[in-house]
Amino acid sequence: MPRTREFDTEAAVSRAMELFWTRGYEATSVRDLTRELGLGQGSLYAAFGDKDGLYQAALEHYRTTLAAAALRSLEEGSDARSAIRTMLVERIRIAVEGGRGCLAVNAACERLPEDASTRRVVRDMQDAGRDALAEVLRVAAERGEIAARHDPYALAAFLVTFLNGLLVSSKITPDARALEPLVEVALTVLG
């Protein structure tokens, strides 16, 4: 009779996410993971298949927690410009904390183009961000809060691309005070 799993899978995935975020995929060994998670190698393989399976679970966890929180913050903003500013500045703050950058951007830089699973998860996060931004921008243009000179979808894609670059820069310059003024420059495209 197979043994039942004796650990909190969600907590293990959350701890693995933190380890991958800090060290990256390649620099994190199965030994590091078993030590950090307090699991035997057999338990890790039984639950996640392999290191890659755990990495994919960690990326999904990031998507459903931190990335989802960023999208919610957009919806809760009082006006588009303030909501976008707050979301961008918050992403900078999270990225510079410990100099880790953004797990999704780190994953893209480290694992693409070879890793199709990582590409799918990161693309889904980026698409969700772009679509949420496009909707905020569309409504803002209708209300006259921002200039309607740009297509909301193209403007949203620009902001996502800007954010990706900003998050890469945060690993080079992990200083929010140096990066936050760039947000104001990017917001000038809103008119």
Protein backbone atom coordinates (compact mmCIF):
# COMPACT_ATOMS: atom_id res chain seq x y z
CA MET A 1 0.00 0.00 0.00
CA PRO A 2 1.49 3.38 -0.98
CA ARG A 3 2.36 5.77 1.82
CA THR A 4 0.42 8.99 2.07
CA ARG A 5 2.29 12.25 1.61
CA GLU A 6 3.35 13.55 5.00
CA PHE A 7 4.21 17.16 4.20
CA ASP A 8 2.46 20.38 3.26
CA THR A 9 2.89 20.55 -0.51
CA GLU A 10 1.93 24.22 -0.75
CA ALA A 11 4.44 25.22 1.93
CA ALA A 12 7.13 23.14 0.20
CA VAL A 13 6.40 24.82 -3.15
CA SER A 14 6.50 28.25 -1.49
CA ARG A 15 9.91 27.52 0.08
CA ALA A 16 11.19 26.11 -3.22
CA MET A 17 9.97 29.27 -4.99
CA GLU A 18 12.02 31.39 -2.59
CA LEU A 19 15.11 29.23 -3.14
CA PHE A 20 14.80 29.28 -6.94
CA TRP A 21 14.12 33.02 -6.83
CA THR A 22 17.25 33.66 -4.77
CA ARG A 23 19.62 31.26 -6.52
CA GLY A 24 18.11 30.52 -9.93
CA TYR A 25 17.28 27.15 -11.44
CA GLU A 26 20.76 26.00 -12.42
CA ALA A 27 22.44 27.00 -9.14
CA THR A 28 19.80 25.18 -7.06
CA SER A 29 20.57 21.50 -6.67
CA VAL A 30 18.19 18.74 -5.66
CA ARG A 31 20.29 18.48 -2.50
CA ASP A 32 19.66 22.19 -1.78
CA LEU A 33 15.95 21.63 -2.28
CA THR A 34 15.69 18.56 -0.05
CA ARG A 35 17.66 20.33 2.68
CA GLU A 36 15.58 23.55 2.43
CA LEU A 37 12.26 21.73 2.25
CA GLY A 38 13.14 19.12 4.86
CA LEU A 39 12.18 16.34 2.45
CA GLY A 40 13.89 13.19 1.34
CA GLN A 41 14.79 12.89 -2.30
CA GLY A 42 12.19 10.14 -2.74
CA SER A 43 9.43 12.38 -1.35
CA LEU A 44 10.45 15.23 -3.64
CA TYR A 45 10.40 12.96 -6.69
CA ALA A 46 7.12 11.33 -5.67
CA ALA A 47 5.42 14.71 -5.24
CA PHE A 48 6.89 16.68 -8.15
CA GLY A 49 8.50 14.17 -10.51
CA ASP A 50 11.87 15.91 -10.58
CA LYS A 51 13.60 19.25 -10.02
CA ASP A 52 11.95 20.68 -13.12
CA GLY A 53 8.51 19.64 -11.90
CA LEU A 54 9.13 21.47 -8.63
CA TYR A 55 10.43 24.50 -10.55
CA GLN A 56 7.26 24.60 -12.65
CA ALA A 57 5.17 24.34 -9.46
CA ALA A 58 7.20 27.22 -7.97
CA LEU A 59 6.59 29.39 -11.07
CA GLU A 60 2.87 28.59 -10.90
CA HIS A 61 2.87 29.53 -7.20
CA TYR A 62 4.53 32.85 -8.08
CA ARG A 63 1.90 33.41 -10.77
CA THR A 64 -1.02 32.76 -8.43
CA THR A 65 0.37 34.78 -5.51
CA LEU A 66 2.68 37.71 -6.32
CA ALA A 67 1.79 38.16 -9.99
CA ALA A 68 -1.92 37.87 -9.18
CA ALA A 69 -1.53 40.47 -6.40
CA ALA A 70 -0.02 42.91 -8.91
CA LEU A 71 -3.05 42.46 -11.17
CA ARG A 72 -5.45 42.99 -8.26
CA SER A 73 -3.64 46.20 -7.33
CA LEU A 74 -4.33 47.51 -10.85
CA GLU A 75 -8.06 46.86 -10.46
CA GLU A 76 -8.17 48.53 -7.05
CA GLY A 77 -6.48 51.77 -8.10
CA SER A 78 -8.48 55.00 -8.01
CA ASP A 79 -7.27 56.25 -11.40
CA ALA A 80 -5.24 54.56 -14.11
CA ARG A 81 -2.08 56.63 -13.75
CA SER A 82 -1.93 56.12 -9.97
CA ALA A 83 -2.76 52.42 -10.22
CA ILE A 84 -0.06 51.82 -12.83
CA ARG A 85 2.49 53.89 -10.90
CA THR A 86 1.73 51.99 -7.70
CA MET A 87 1.98 48.62 -9.45
CA LEU A 88 5.31 49.49 -11.11
CA VAL A 89 6.85 50.94 -7.95
CA GLU A 90 5.70 47.91 -5.94
CA ARG A 91 7.29 45.56 -8.50
CA ILE A 92 10.55 47.54 -8.14
CA ARG A 93 10.38 47.27 -4.36
CA ILE A 94 9.87 43.50 -4.49
CA ALA A 95 12.62 43.08 -7.10
CA VAL A 96 15.29 45.06 -5.22
CA GLU A 97 14.50 43.33 -1.93
CA GLY A 98 17.56 41.12 -1.57
CA GLY A 99 18.62 41.89 -5.15
CA ARG A 100 16.60 38.94 -6.45
CA GLY A 101 14.82 40.66 -9.32
CA CYS A 102 11.58 39.08 -10.52
CA LEU A 103 11.22 35.30 -10.57
CA ALA A 104 9.39 35.33 -13.92
CA VAL A 105 11.93 37.58 -15.62
CA ASN A 106 14.78 35.60 -14.05
CA ALA A 107 13.20 32.40 -15.38
CA ALA A 108 12.93 33.86 -18.88
CA CYS A 109 16.55 35.03 -18.83
CA GLU A 110 17.88 31.74 -17.48
CA ARG A 111 15.67 29.08 -19.07
CA LEU A 112 14.54 30.42 -22.45
CA PRO A 113 14.43 29.70 -25.32
CA GLU A 114 15.05 25.99 -24.61
CA ASP A 115 12.50 25.37 -21.82
CA ALA A 116 9.00 25.31 -23.35
CA SER A 117 7.24 24.78 -19.99
CA THR A 118 8.87 27.85 -18.48
CA ARG A 119 8.08 29.84 -21.63
CA ARG A 120 4.39 28.90 -21.30
CA VAL A 121 4.12 29.92 -17.64
CA VAL A 122 6.03 33.19 -18.11
CA ARG A 123 4.08 34.02 -21.28
CA ASP A 124 0.79 33.38 -19.44
CA MET A 125 1.88 35.79 -16.68
CA GLN A 126 2.92 38.41 -19.21
CA ASP A 127 -0.28 38.02 -21.22
CA ALA A 128 -2.40 38.37 -18.08
CA GLY A 129 -0.51 41.52 -17.09
CA ARG A 130 -0.79 43.00 -20.57
CA ASP A 131 -4.51 42.21 -20.79
CA ALA A 132 -5.22 43.70 -17.35
CA LEU A 133 -3.24 46.83 -18.19
CA ALA A 134 -4.99 47.14 -21.57
CA GLU A 135 -8.38 47.06 -19.88
CA VAL A 136 -7.36 49.68 -17.29
CA LEU A 137 -6.00 51.86 -20.10
CA ARG A 138 -9.08 51.38 -22.29
CA VAL A 139 -11.40 52.49 -19.49
CA ALA A 140 -9.09 55.38 -18.60
CA ALA A 141 -9.08 56.62 -22.21
CA GLU A 142 -12.89 56.43 -22.33
CA ARG A 143 -13.07 58.50 -19.13
CA GLY A 144 -10.58 61.03 -20.49
CA GLU A 145 -8.01 60.25 -17.73
CA ILE A 146 -5.32 59.56 -20.32
CA ALA A 147 -4.79 60.55 -23.94
CA ALA A 148 -6.40 58.24 -26.46
CA ARG A 149 -3.57 58.61 -28.98
CA HIS A 150 -2.24 55.06 -28.46
CA ASP A 151 -4.00 51.74 -28.77
CA PRO A 152 -4.53 50.47 -25.18
CA TYR A 153 -3.21 47.02 -26.12
CA ALA A 154 0.01 48.45 -27.63
CA LEU A 155 0.43 50.79 -24.67
CA ALA A 156 -0.05 47.87 -22.27
CA ALA A 157 2.51 45.81 -24.21
CA PHE A 158 4.94 48.74 -23.95
CA LEU A 159 4.44 48.97 -20.18
CA VAL A 160 4.99 45.22 -19.75
CA THR A 161 8.16 45.44 -21.85
CA PHE A 162 9.31 48.48 -19.85
CA LEU A 163 8.64 46.61 -16.60
CA ASN A 164 10.63 43.59 -17.81
CA GLY A 165 13.60 45.81 -18.57
CA LEU A 166 13.22 47.58 -15.26
CA LEU A 167 13.21 44.24 -13.43
CA VAL A 168 16.38 43.13 -15.22
CA SER A 169 17.93 46.49 -14.29
CA SER A 170 16.93 45.93 -10.67
CA LYS A 171 19.40 43.03 -10.52
CA ILE A 172 22.17 45.29 -11.81
CA THR A 173 21.15 48.28 -9.68
CA PRO A 174 19.15 46.99 -6.70
CA ASP A 175 18.24 50.51 -5.59
CA ALA A 176 14.60 51.56 -5.70
CA ARG A 177 15.53 55.28 -5.45
CA ALA A 178 17.54 54.97 -8.67
CA LEU A 179 14.81 53.05 -10.54
CA GLU A 180 11.58 54.75 -9.42
CA PRO A 181 12.20 57.98 -11.42
CA LEU A 182 12.13 55.83 -14.57
CA VAL A 183 8.51 55.00 -13.81
CA GLU A 184 7.63 58.68 -14.10
CA VAL A 185 9.31 58.82 -17.50
CA ALA A 186 7.36 55.75 -18.70
CA LEU A 187 4.09 57.26 -17.47
CA THR A 188 4.55 60.22 -19.80
CA VAL A 189 3.33 57.98 -22.65
CA LEU A 190 -0.11 58.13 -21.04
CA GLY A 191 -0.40 61.78 -22.09
